Amino acid sequence: MPMLNEKQRLMRKVMSCSFALVEANLYLDSHPTCKMGLEYFRKHKEEYDKAAAEYTKKYGPITARQSLAETKWDWVAEPFPWERGES
């Protein structure tokens, strides 16, 4: 497997945490009081928030919702995340 650069590493972290959150969400829908499930969700949400914020700060928004644009709409300024070759 080729070495990942920082941008690719961050995107993979965002993607893996996002996957874990979806899976935890599905589990918690049927086990809403499971302490381990809640802790798992919380842990991955913190990791996702941190990785997504770092990625957005360094490389731009991952989703339009994350745009920090004040003077120009930056969501379309560069290729979309799936076109940037991070995966």
Foldseek 3Di string as FASTA:
>chain_A
DDDADPLLVLVVLLVVLVVQLVVLVVVCVVVVVDPVSVVSNVVSVVSNVVSQVVNCVPPNHQDQVPHPDDPDRCCPVDDHPVPPPSD
